[in-house]
Amino acid sequence: MSNPGSFPFLLTALLAGAAVPFQAGANAMLGRLLGHPLWATLVSLFVSAALVVPVMLAFRLPVPTIGAAIKGPWWIWVGGAAGVVYVTAALLLAPKLGAASFMIAVIAGQLMASLVIDHFALMNFAHRPTGVARLAWLALILAGFVIFQWANGAGVRAEARKQSTAKHPLPAARVTDDVISKR
């Protein structure tokens, strides 16, 4: 870690990140209960607003000048759109993929996009070139993603076989004969 003073910030980011899979699961169930994922997206954003307003009042934040935001670059509005895309994707995909698979895909996507943002100094971020070390780091992350998905798929296939055998048990001798005859 290049700056030891950044440890509290990194710890806070780690804790914030740990909340995200719970958000995906809660919003997925909310979507099922409300009848459509987009209702859950709206409710989730409303709850976020309802929780942040008292914090803003407690900090006695001044009313913002909307004019300055309107004069800002076009991409400042991407955050809200990205939030809707993420929350809706989490609602739809997390229950199908599982929390870990969904989050690993999200993290891999975030890391790839972050490298592009840093390399091209997009969105007013400082320029941080993508050199060999950062590309190797990304390759390791993507390799971990592939290995995790492969292992997850193997586990899912084994569980499906186990459930299939439980539903249609065969006598032990017949299973052995079937296995031997297929070799």
N, C-alpha and C. Protein backbone atom coordinates (compact mmCIF):
# COMPACT_ATOMS: atom_id res chain seq x y z
N MET A 1 0.87 -1.17 0.00
CA MET A 1 0.00 0.00 0.00
C MET A 1 0.91 1.23 0.00
N SER A 2 0.73 2.11 -0.96
CA SER A 2 1.63 3.24 -1.11
C SER A 2 1.42 4.31 -0.05
N ASN A 3 0.24 4.44 0.50
CA ASN A 3 -0.04 5.47 1.50
C ASN A 3 -0.70 4.83 2.72
N PRO A 4 0.05 4.61 3.80
CA PRO A 4 -0.53 3.97 4.99
C PRO A 4 -1.74 4.74 5.54
N GLY A 5 -1.80 6.03 5.31
CA GLY A 5 -2.93 6.83 5.79
C GLY A 5 -4.23 6.50 5.07
N SER A 6 -4.13 5.78 3.96
CA SER A 6 -5.34 5.44 3.22
C SER A 6 -6.02 4.18 3.75
N PHE A 7 -5.40 3.51 4.73
CA PHE A 7 -5.98 2.27 5.26
C PHE A 7 -7.42 2.44 5.75
N PRO A 8 -7.76 3.47 6.54
CA PRO A 8 -9.16 3.60 6.97
C PRO A 8 -10.12 3.75 5.79
N PHE A 9 -9.67 4.43 4.74
CA PHE A 9 -10.52 4.59 3.56
C PHE A 9 -10.72 3.25 2.86
N LEU A 10 -9.63 2.48 2.75
CA LEU A 10 -9.73 1.16 2.13
C LEU A 10 -10.62 0.23 2.94
N LEU A 11 -10.51 0.29 4.25
CA LEU A 11 -11.36 -0.54 5.12
C LEU A 11 -12.82 -0.16 4.95
N THR A 12 -13.10 1.14 4.89
CA THR A 12 -14.48 1.60 4.69
C THR A 12 -15.00 1.13 3.33
N ALA A 13 -14.17 1.22 2.29
CA ALA A 13 -14.57 0.74 0.96
C ALA A 13 -14.84 -0.76 0.98
N LEU A 14 -14.01 -1.50 1.72
CA LEU A 14 -14.21 -2.94 1.84
C LEU A 14 -15.55 -3.26 2.49
N LEU A 15 -15.87 -2.55 3.55
CA LEU A 15 -17.15 -2.76 4.24
C LEU A 15 -18.33 -2.36 3.34
N ALA A 16 -18.18 -1.25 2.62
CA ALA A 16 -19.24 -0.83 1.70
C ALA A 16 -19.43 -1.89 0.62
N GLY A 17 -18.34 -2.43 0.13
CA GLY A 17 -18.43 -3.49 -0.88
C GLY A 17 -19.09 -4.74 -0.34
N ALA A 18 -18.86 -5.04 0.93
CA ALA A 18 -19.48 -6.22 1.54
C ALA A 18 -20.99 -6.09 1.62
N ALA A 19 -21.50 -4.87 1.61
CA ALA A 19 -22.96 -4.67 1.67
C ALA A 19 -23.64 -4.95 0.33
N VAL A 20 -22.89 -4.88 -0.75
CA VAL A 20 -23.49 -4.96 -2.08
C VAL A 20 -24.19 -6.29 -2.36
N PRO A 21 -23.61 -7.46 -2.01
CA PRO A 21 -24.35 -8.70 -2.27
C PRO A 21 -25.67 -8.77 -1.50
N PHE A 22 -25.69 -8.17 -0.31
CA PHE A 22 -26.94 -8.14 0.46
C PHE A 22 -27.97 -7.27 -0.25
N GLN A 23 -27.50 -6.18 -0.86
CA GLN A 23 -28.39 -5.32 -1.63
C GLN A 23 -29.00 -6.10 -2.79
N ALA A 24 -28.17 -6.86 -3.50
CA ALA A 24 -28.67 -7.63 -4.64
C ALA A 24 -29.72 -8.63 -4.20
N GLY A 25 -29.46 -9.34 -3.11
CA GLY A 25 -30.42 -10.34 -2.63
C GLY A 25 -31.72 -9.72 -2.15
N ALA A 26 -31.60 -8.62 -1.39
CA ALA A 26 -32.80 -7.96 -0.87
C ALA A 26 -33.64 -7.39 -2.01
N ASN A 27 -32.98 -6.76 -2.97
CA ASN A 27 -33.73 -6.17 -4.09
C ASN A 27 -34.35 -7.24 -4.98
N ALA A 28 -33.68 -8.39 -5.13
CA ALA A 28 -34.25 -9.48 -5.94
C ALA A 28 -35.55 -9.98 -5.30
N MET A 29 -35.52 -10.18 -3.98
CA MET A 29 -36.74 -10.62 -3.30
C MET A 29 -37.81 -9.55 -3.36
N LEU A 30 -37.42 -8.28 -3.20
CA LEU A 30 -38.37 -7.19 -3.31
C LEU A 30 -39.03 -7.18 -4.68
N GLY A 31 -38.24 -7.40 -5.73
CA GLY A 31 -38.79 -7.45 -7.09
C GLY A 31 -39.81 -8.56 -7.26
N ARG A 32 -39.52 -9.73 -6.69
CA ARG A 32 -40.49 -10.84 -6.77
C ARG A 32 -41.76 -10.50 -6.01
N LEU A 33 -41.63 -9.88 -4.83
CA LEU A 33 -42.80 -9.56 -4.02
C LEU A 33 -43.63 -8.44 -4.64
N LEU A 34 -42.97 -7.50 -5.33
CA LEU A 34 -43.69 -6.39 -5.95
C LEU A 34 -44.22 -6.74 -7.34
N GLY A 35 -43.79 -7.86 -7.89
CA GLY A 35 -44.33 -8.31 -9.16
C GLY A 35 -43.49 -7.96 -10.38
N HIS A 36 -42.48 -7.11 -10.23
CA HIS A 36 -41.61 -6.79 -11.35
C HIS A 36 -40.32 -6.15 -10.83
N PRO A 37 -39.17 -6.50 -11.43
CA PRO A 37 -37.90 -5.94 -10.97
C PRO A 37 -37.82 -4.42 -11.04
N LEU A 38 -38.47 -3.80 -12.00
CA LEU A 38 -38.38 -2.34 -12.11
C LEU A 38 -39.07 -1.64 -10.94
N TRP A 39 -40.11 -2.26 -10.38
CA TRP A 39 -40.72 -1.68 -9.18
C TRP A 39 -39.73 -1.70 -8.02
N ALA A 40 -38.99 -2.80 -7.94
CA ALA A 40 -37.98 -2.90 -6.87
C ALA A 40 -36.87 -1.88 -7.09
N THR A 41 -36.50 -1.64 -8.34
CA THR A 41 -35.49 -0.62 -8.63
C THR A 41 -35.96 0.73 -8.12
N LEU A 42 -37.20 1.08 -8.43
CA LEU A 42 -37.76 2.37 -8.00
C LEU A 42 -37.83 2.46 -6.48
N VAL A 43 -38.32 1.40 -5.84
CA VAL A 43 -38.43 1.41 -4.38
C VAL A 43 -37.04 1.51 -3.75
N SER A 44 -36.07 0.78 -4.29
CA SER A 44 -34.71 0.82 -3.77
C SER A 44 -34.13 2.23 -3.84
N LEU A 45 -34.33 2.89 -4.96
CA LEU A 45 -33.82 4.26 -5.11
C LEU A 45 -34.57 5.23 -4.18
N PHE A 46 -35.87 4.99 -3.99
CA PHE A 46 -36.65 5.82 -3.07
C PHE A 46 -36.15 5.65 -1.63
N VAL A 47 -35.89 4.39 -1.25
CA VAL A 47 -35.38 4.13 0.11
C VAL A 47 -34.02 4.81 0.28
N SER A 48 -33.18 4.74 -0.76
CA SER A 48 -31.88 5.42 -0.69
C SER A 48 -32.06 6.92 -0.45
N ALA A 49 -32.98 7.53 -1.19
CA ALA A 49 -33.24 8.96 -1.02
C ALA A 49 -33.78 9.25 0.37
N ALA A 50 -34.70 8.40 0.85
CA ALA A 50 -35.29 8.61 2.17
C ALA A 50 -34.24 8.50 3.28
N LEU A 51 -33.22 7.69 3.06
CA LEU A 51 -32.17 7.54 4.07
C LEU A 51 -31.12 8.65 4.00
N VAL A 52 -30.85 9.15 2.81
CA VAL A 52 -29.80 10.16 2.69
C VAL A 52 -30.29 11.56 3.09
N VAL A 53 -31.57 11.84 2.93
CA VAL A 53 -32.09 13.17 3.26
C VAL A 53 -31.88 13.51 4.74
N PRO A 54 -32.21 12.63 5.69
CA PRO A 54 -31.94 12.97 7.09
C PRO A 54 -30.45 13.18 7.38
N VAL A 55 -29.59 12.44 6.70
CA VAL A 55 -28.15 12.62 6.88
C VAL A 55 -27.74 14.00 6.38
N MET A 56 -28.29 14.39 5.24
CA MET A 56 -27.99 15.71 4.68
C MET A 56 -28.48 16.82 5.62
N LEU A 57 -29.65 16.60 6.19
CA LEU A 57 -30.18 17.58 7.14
C LEU A 57 -29.31 17.64 8.40
N ALA A 58 -28.86 16.49 8.87
CA ALA A 58 -28.01 16.46 10.06
C ALA A 58 -26.69 17.20 9.82
N PHE A 59 -26.17 17.10 8.61
CA PHE A 59 -24.93 17.80 8.26
C PHE A 59 -25.18 19.26 7.87
N ARG A 60 -26.46 19.64 7.84
CA ARG A 60 -26.85 21.01 7.46
C ARG A 60 -26.23 21.45 6.14
N LEU A 61 -26.40 20.57 5.16
CA LEU A 61 -25.85 20.89 3.83
C LEU A 61 -26.67 22.00 3.19
N PRO A 62 -26.00 22.94 2.53
CA PRO A 62 -26.75 24.00 1.85
C PRO A 62 -27.46 23.43 0.62
N VAL A 63 -28.51 24.10 0.22
CA VAL A 63 -29.24 23.70 -0.99
C VAL A 63 -28.30 23.87 -2.18
N PRO A 64 -28.21 22.85 -3.04
CA PRO A 64 -27.26 22.95 -4.15
C PRO A 64 -27.73 23.95 -5.21
N THR A 65 -26.76 24.44 -5.96
CA THR A 65 -27.08 25.30 -7.10
C THR A 65 -27.16 24.40 -8.33
N ILE A 66 -28.36 24.16 -8.77
CA ILE A 66 -28.59 23.27 -9.91
C ILE A 66 -27.96 23.84 -11.18
N GLY A 67 -27.89 25.15 -11.27
CA GLY A 67 -27.32 25.78 -12.46
C GLY A 67 -25.91 25.31 -12.75
N ALA A 68 -25.10 25.15 -11.71
CA ALA A 68 -23.72 24.68 -11.90
C ALA A 68 -23.71 23.26 -12.46
N ALA A 69 -24.61 22.41 -11.96
CA ALA A 69 -24.68 21.03 -12.45
C ALA A 69 -25.15 20.99 -13.90
N ILE A 70 -26.10 21.85 -14.23
CA ILE A 70 -26.61 21.88 -15.61
C ILE A 70 -25.51 22.30 -16.58
N LYS A 71 -24.63 23.17 -16.13
CA LYS A 71 -23.53 23.64 -16.98
C LYS A 71 -22.36 22.65 -17.01
N GLY A 72 -22.41 21.62 -16.19
CA GLY A 72 -21.32 20.64 -16.13
C GLY A 72 -21.29 19.75 -17.35
N PRO A 73 -20.28 18.89 -17.42
CA PRO A 73 -20.17 17.98 -18.56
C PRO A 73 -21.33 16.98 -18.59
N TRP A 74 -21.63 16.49 -19.77
CA TRP A 74 -22.76 15.59 -19.96
C TRP A 74 -22.67 14.34 -19.09
N TRP A 75 -21.45 13.85 -18.84
CA TRP A 75 -21.29 12.57 -18.17
C TRP A 75 -21.58 12.62 -16.67
N ILE A 76 -21.84 13.79 -16.10
CA ILE A 76 -22.14 13.82 -14.65
C ILE A 76 -23.47 13.13 -14.34
N TRP A 77 -24.31 12.96 -15.36
CA TRP A 77 -25.61 12.32 -15.15
C TRP A 77 -25.54 10.80 -15.30
N VAL A 78 -24.38 10.29 -15.68
CA VAL A 78 -24.22 8.86 -15.89
C VAL A 78 -24.39 8.08 -14.58
N GLY A 79 -24.01 8.68 -13.46
CA GLY A 79 -24.09 7.99 -12.17
C GLY A 79 -25.49 7.47 -11.86
N GLY A 80 -26.50 8.30 -12.08
CA GLY A 80 -27.88 7.87 -11.81
C GLY A 80 -28.31 6.76 -12.75
N ALA A 81 -27.94 6.90 -14.02
CA ALA A 81 -28.29 5.86 -15.00
C ALA A 81 -27.56 4.56 -14.67
N ALA A 82 -26.28 4.66 -14.30
CA ALA A 82 -25.52 3.46 -13.94
C ALA A 82 -26.12 2.79 -12.71
N GLY A 83 -26.61 3.57 -11.77
CA GLY A 83 -27.25 3.01 -10.59
C GLY A 83 -28.49 2.20 -10.95
N VAL A 84 -29.29 2.74 -11.85
CA VAL A 84 -30.49 2.02 -12.28
C VAL A 84 -30.11 0.73 -13.01
N VAL A 85 -29.11 0.82 -13.89
CA VAL A 85 -28.66 -0.37 -14.62
C VAL A 85 -28.15 -1.42 -13.65
N TYR A 86 -27.32 -1.01 -12.69
CA TYR A 86 -26.76 -1.97 -11.74
C TYR A 86 -27.85 -2.61 -10.88
N VAL A 87 -28.71 -1.78 -10.29
CA VAL A 87 -29.75 -2.33 -9.40
C VAL A 87 -30.66 -3.28 -10.16
N THR A 88 -31.06 -2.91 -11.38
CA THR A 88 -31.93 -3.77 -12.18
C THR A 88 -31.21 -5.05 -12.58
N ALA A 89 -29.94 -4.95 -12.98
CA ALA A 89 -29.17 -6.15 -13.33
C ALA A 89 -29.04 -7.06 -12.11
N ALA A 90 -28.79 -6.48 -10.95
CA ALA A 90 -28.68 -7.29 -9.73
C ALA A 90 -30.00 -8.00 -9.44
N LEU A 91 -31.10 -7.31 -9.62
CA LEU A 91 -32.41 -7.91 -9.38
C LEU A 91 -32.65 -9.11 -10.30
N LEU A 92 -32.26 -8.96 -11.55
CA LEU A 92 -32.53 -10.00 -12.54
C LEU A 92 -31.49 -11.13 -12.53
N LEU A 93 -30.23 -10.79 -12.32
CA LEU A 93 -29.16 -11.77 -12.52
C LEU A 93 -28.69 -12.46 -11.25
N ALA A 94 -28.66 -11.76 -10.12
CA ALA A 94 -28.13 -12.37 -8.90
C ALA A 94 -28.88 -13.65 -8.51
N PRO A 95 -30.22 -13.68 -8.58
CA PRO A 95 -30.90 -14.93 -8.23
C PRO A 95 -30.57 -16.08 -9.20
N LYS A 96 -30.29 -15.76 -10.45
CA LYS A 96 -29.99 -16.81 -11.44
C LYS A 96 -28.55 -17.29 -11.32
N LEU A 97 -27.62 -16.37 -11.07
CA LEU A 97 -26.20 -16.71 -11.02
C LEU A 97 -25.73 -17.11 -9.63
N GLY A 98 -26.41 -16.63 -8.61
CA GLY A 98 -25.94 -16.77 -7.23
C GLY A 98 -25.18 -15.51 -6.86
N ALA A 99 -25.12 -15.22 -5.56
CA ALA A 99 -24.49 -13.98 -5.10
C ALA A 99 -23.03 -13.90 -5.49
N ALA A 100 -22.27 -14.98 -5.27
CA ALA A 100 -20.83 -14.93 -5.55
C ALA A 100 -20.54 -14.78 -7.04
N SER A 101 -21.21 -15.56 -7.87
CA SER A 101 -20.97 -15.46 -9.32
C SER A 101 -21.36 -14.09 -9.85
N PHE A 102 -22.47 -13.57 -9.39
CA PHE A 102 -22.88 -12.24 -9.83
C PHE A 102 -21.86 -11.20 -9.42
N MET A 103 -21.45 -11.24 -8.15
CA MET A 103 -20.52 -10.22 -7.66
C MET A 103 -19.15 -10.33 -8.33
N ILE A 104 -18.70 -11.54 -8.59
CA ILE A 104 -17.40 -11.68 -9.23
C ILE A 104 -17.46 -11.10 -10.65
N ALA A 105 -18.58 -11.30 -11.35
CA ALA A 105 -18.73 -10.71 -12.69
C ALA A 105 -18.79 -9.19 -12.59
N VAL A 106 -19.53 -8.68 -11.61
CA VAL A 106 -19.62 -7.22 -11.41
C VAL A 106 -18.24 -6.64 -11.12
N ILE A 107 -17.50 -7.28 -10.23
CA ILE A 107 -16.18 -6.77 -9.86
C ILE A 107 -15.23 -6.82 -11.06
N ALA A 108 -15.26 -7.90 -11.82
CA ALA A 108 -14.40 -7.98 -13.01
C ALA A 108 -14.75 -6.85 -13.99
N GLY A 109 -16.04 -6.61 -14.19
CA GLY A 109 -16.45 -5.52 -15.07
C GLY A 109 -16.02 -4.16 -14.53
N GLN A 110 -16.15 -3.96 -13.23
CA GLN A 110 -15.73 -2.69 -12.62
C GLN A 110 -14.23 -2.47 -12.78
N LEU A 111 -13.46 -3.52 -12.60
CA LEU A 111 -12.01 -3.39 -12.70
C LEU A 111 -11.57 -3.09 -14.13
N MET A 112 -12.19 -3.76 -15.10
CA MET A 112 -11.85 -3.48 -16.51
C MET A 112 -12.19 -2.03 -16.86
N ALA A 113 -13.39 -1.59 -16.48
CA ALA A 113 -13.79 -0.21 -16.77
C ALA A 113 -12.90 0.77 -16.03
N SER A 114 -12.50 0.45 -14.81
CA SER A 114 -11.64 1.34 -14.02
C SER A 114 -10.28 1.53 -14.67
N LEU A 115 -9.74 0.47 -15.25
CA LEU A 115 -8.46 0.60 -15.95
C LEU A 115 -8.59 1.54 -17.14
N VAL A 116 -9.68 1.44 -17.87
CA VAL A 116 -9.91 2.33 -19.02
C VAL A 116 -10.05 3.77 -18.53
N ILE A 117 -10.82 3.96 -17.48
CA ILE A 117 -11.02 5.32 -16.93
C ILE A 117 -9.69 5.91 -16.49
N ASP A 118 -8.89 5.13 -15.75
CA ASP A 118 -7.59 5.61 -15.29
C ASP A 118 -6.64 5.90 -16.46
N HIS A 119 -6.59 4.97 -17.41
CA HIS A 119 -5.64 5.10 -18.52
C HIS A 119 -5.91 6.34 -19.37
N PHE A 120 -7.19 6.61 -19.62
CA PHE A 120 -7.54 7.75 -20.47
C PHE A 120 -7.94 8.98 -19.66
N ALA A 121 -7.78 8.92 -18.34
CA ALA A 121 -8.12 10.04 -17.45
C ALA A 121 -9.54 10.54 -17.71
N LEU A 122 -10.47 9.60 -17.82
CA LEU A 122 -11.87 9.94 -18.08
C LEU A 122 -12.53 10.44 -16.79
N MET A 123 -13.59 11.17 -16.93
CA MET A 123 -14.44 11.62 -15.83
C MET A 123 -13.66 12.38 -14.76
N ASN A 124 -12.67 13.09 -15.19
CA ASN A 124 -11.87 13.97 -14.33
C ASN A 124 -10.97 13.22 -13.35
N PHE A 125 -10.70 11.94 -13.60
CA PHE A 125 -9.77 11.18 -12.78
C PHE A 125 -8.35 11.50 -13.23
N ALA A 126 -7.40 11.33 -12.32
CA ALA A 126 -5.99 11.52 -12.65
C ALA A 126 -5.55 10.44 -13.63
N HIS A 127 -4.61 10.77 -14.50
CA HIS A 127 -4.09 9.81 -15.47
C HIS A 127 -3.20 8.80 -14.77
N ARG A 128 -3.55 7.54 -14.91
CA ARG A 128 -2.76 6.43 -14.38
C ARG A 128 -2.62 5.42 -15.51
N PRO A 129 -1.50 5.45 -16.20
CA PRO A 129 -1.34 4.60 -17.39
C PRO A 129 -1.51 3.11 -17.08
N THR A 130 -2.06 2.40 -18.04
CA THR A 130 -2.21 0.95 -17.92
C THR A 130 -0.97 0.32 -18.52
N GLY A 131 -0.03 -0.04 -17.66
CA GLY A 131 1.21 -0.68 -18.10
C GLY A 131 1.11 -2.19 -17.96
N VAL A 132 2.26 -2.83 -18.11
CA VAL A 132 2.33 -4.28 -18.07
C VAL A 132 1.85 -4.81 -16.71
N ALA A 133 2.25 -4.18 -15.62
CA ALA A 133 1.86 -4.66 -14.29
C ALA A 133 0.34 -4.61 -14.11
N ARG A 134 -0.28 -3.54 -14.55
CA ARG A 134 -1.74 -3.44 -14.42
C ARG A 134 -2.45 -4.44 -15.33
N LEU A 135 -1.92 -4.68 -16.52
CA LEU A 135 -2.51 -5.68 -17.41
C LEU A 135 -2.34 -7.09 -16.84
N ALA A 136 -1.20 -7.36 -16.21
CA ALA A 136 -0.99 -8.66 -15.56
C ALA A 136 -1.97 -8.82 -14.41
N TRP A 137 -2.17 -7.75 -13.66
CA TRP A 137 -3.14 -7.76 -12.55
C TRP A 137 -4.54 -8.08 -13.09
N LEU A 138 -4.92 -7.44 -14.19
CA LEU A 138 -6.23 -7.69 -14.79
C LEU A 138 -6.32 -9.14 -15.28
N ALA A 139 -5.25 -9.64 -15.89
CA ALA A 139 -5.25 -11.03 -16.36
C ALA A 139 -5.45 -11.99 -15.20
N LEU A 140 -4.82 -11.72 -14.06
CA LEU A 140 -5.01 -12.57 -12.87
C LEU A 140 -6.44 -12.51 -12.37
N ILE A 141 -7.02 -11.32 -12.38
CA ILE A 141 -8.42 -11.17 -11.95
C ILE A 141 -9.34 -11.96 -12.87
N LEU A 142 -9.12 -11.82 -14.18
CA LEU A 142 -9.95 -12.53 -15.14
C LEU A 142 -9.74 -14.04 -15.06
N ALA A 143 -8.50 -14.47 -14.82
CA ALA A 143 -8.24 -15.90 -14.63
C ALA A 143 -8.99 -16.41 -13.39
N GLY A 144 -8.96 -15.63 -12.32
CA GLY A 144 -9.72 -16.01 -11.12
C GLY A 144 -11.21 -16.09 -11.41
N PHE A 145 -11.71 -15.16 -12.21
CA PHE A 145 -13.11 -15.15 -12.61
C PHE A 145 -13.45 -16.44 -13.37
N VAL A 146 -12.60 -16.82 -14.33
CA VAL A 146 -12.84 -18.02 -15.13
C VAL A 146 -12.77 -19.27 -14.25
N ILE A 147 -11.76 -19.35 -13.38
CA ILE A 147 -11.63 -20.50 -12.50
C ILE A 147 -12.83 -20.61 -11.57
N PHE A 148 -13.26 -19.49 -11.02
CA PHE A 148 -14.42 -19.50 -10.13
C PHE A 148 -15.67 -20.00 -10.87
N GLN A 149 -15.88 -19.49 -12.09
CA GLN A 149 -17.06 -19.90 -12.85
C GLN A 149 -16.97 -21.38 -13.22
N TRP A 150 -15.77 -21.84 -13.58
CA TRP A 150 -15.59 -23.25 -13.91
C TRP A 150 -15.89 -24.12 -12.68
N ALA A 151 -15.32 -23.74 -11.54
CA ALA A 151 -15.56 -24.50 -10.30
C ALA A 151 -17.02 -24.44 -9.91
N ASN A 152 -17.63 -23.29 -10.08
CA ASN A 152 -19.05 -23.14 -9.76
C ASN A 152 -19.89 -24.03 -10.67
N GLY A 153 -19.55 -24.07 -11.94
CA GLY A 153 -20.28 -24.93 -12.89
C GLY A 153 -20.13 -26.39 -12.55
N ALA A 154 -18.93 -26.80 -12.13
CA ALA A 154 -18.70 -28.18 -11.74
C ALA A 154 -19.53 -28.52 -10.51
N GLY A 155 -19.61 -27.60 -9.57
CA GLY A 155 -20.43 -27.82 -8.37
C GLY A 155 -21.91 -27.90 -8.70
N VAL A 156 -22.35 -27.06 -9.62
CA VAL A 156 -23.76 -27.08 -10.03
C VAL A 156 -24.09 -28.40 -10.73
N ARG A 157 -23.17 -28.85 -11.61
CA ARG A 157 -23.40 -30.13 -12.31
C ARG A 157 -23.44 -31.29 -11.33
N ALA A 158 -22.54 -31.30 -10.35
CA ALA A 158 -22.52 -32.37 -9.35
C ALA A 158 -23.81 -32.37 -8.53
N GLU A 159 -24.28 -31.17 -8.16
CA GLU A 159 -25.53 -31.07 -7.40
C GLU A 159 -26.71 -31.54 -8.23
N ALA A 160 -26.72 -31.22 -9.52
CA ALA A 160 -27.81 -31.66 -10.40
C ALA A 160 -27.80 -33.18 -10.52
N ARG A 161 -26.60 -33.77 -10.66
CA ARG A 161 -26.51 -35.24 -10.72
C ARG A 161 -27.01 -35.85 -9.43
N LYS A 162 -26.64 -35.26 -8.31
CA LYS A 162 -27.05 -35.77 -7.00
C LYS A 162 -28.57 -35.71 -6.87
N GLN A 163 -29.17 -34.59 -7.28
CA GLN A 163 -30.63 -34.46 -7.21
C GLN A 163 -31.31 -35.42 -8.17
N SER A 164 -30.74 -35.60 -9.35
CA SER A 164 -31.31 -36.52 -10.32
C SER A 164 -31.28 -37.94 -9.80
N THR A 165 -30.16 -38.33 -9.18
CA THR A 165 -30.04 -39.66 -8.62
C THR A 165 -31.00 -39.85 -7.45
N ALA A 166 -31.20 -38.80 -6.67
CA ALA A 166 -32.12 -38.89 -5.53
C ALA A 166 -33.56 -39.08 -6.01
N LYS A 167 -33.90 -38.45 -7.16
CA LYS A 167 -35.26 -38.57 -7.69
C LYS A 167 -35.47 -39.92 -8.36
N HIS A 168 -34.42 -40.45 -8.99
CA HIS A 168 -34.52 -41.70 -9.73
C HIS A 168 -33.39 -42.64 -9.33
N PRO A 169 -33.45 -43.15 -8.08
CA PRO A 169 -32.35 -44.01 -7.62
C PRO A 169 -32.31 -45.31 -8.41
N LEU A 170 -31.10 -45.72 -8.76
CA LEU A 170 -30.91 -47.00 -9.43
C LEU A 170 -30.23 -47.95 -8.47
N PRO A 171 -30.46 -49.23 -8.61
CA PRO A 171 -29.75 -50.19 -7.77
C PRO A 171 -28.25 -50.05 -8.00
N ALA A 172 -27.47 -50.27 -6.97
CA ALA A 172 -26.01 -50.08 -7.05
C ALA A 172 -25.40 -50.92 -8.15
N ALA A 173 -25.82 -52.17 -8.31
CA ALA A 173 -25.25 -53.05 -9.33
C ALA A 173 -25.51 -52.47 -10.72
N ARG A 174 -26.69 -51.94 -10.95
CA ARG A 174 -27.03 -51.40 -12.26
C ARG A 174 -26.20 -50.15 -12.56
N VAL A 175 -26.00 -49.30 -11.58
CA VAL A 175 -25.18 -48.11 -11.78
C VAL A 175 -23.78 -48.54 -12.19
N THR A 176 -23.22 -49.55 -11.51
CA THR A 176 -21.88 -50.02 -11.83
C THR A 176 -21.86 -50.57 -13.26
N ASP A 177 -22.87 -51.38 -13.63
CA ASP A 177 -22.93 -51.92 -14.98
C ASP A 177 -23.01 -50.83 -16.01
N ASP A 178 -23.84 -49.79 -15.75
CA ASP A 178 -23.98 -48.67 -16.69
C ASP A 178 -22.66 -47.94 -16.85
N VAL A 179 -21.97 -47.71 -15.74
CA VAL A 179 -20.71 -46.98 -15.79
C VAL A 179 -19.67 -47.79 -16.54
N ILE A 180 -19.62 -49.11 -16.28
CA ILE A 180 -18.63 -49.96 -16.93
C ILE A 180 -18.91 -50.06 -18.43
N SER A 181 -20.17 -50.19 -18.82
CA SER A 181 -20.50 -50.35 -20.23
C SER A 181 -20.24 -49.07 -21.04
N LYS A 182 -20.22 -47.92 -20.40
CA LYS A 182 -19.99 -46.66 -21.11
C LYS A 182 -18.52 -46.37 -21.30
N ARG A 183 -17.64 -47.11 -20.67
CA ARG A 183 -16.19 -46.84 -20.78
C ARG A 183 -15.59 -47.44 -21.99
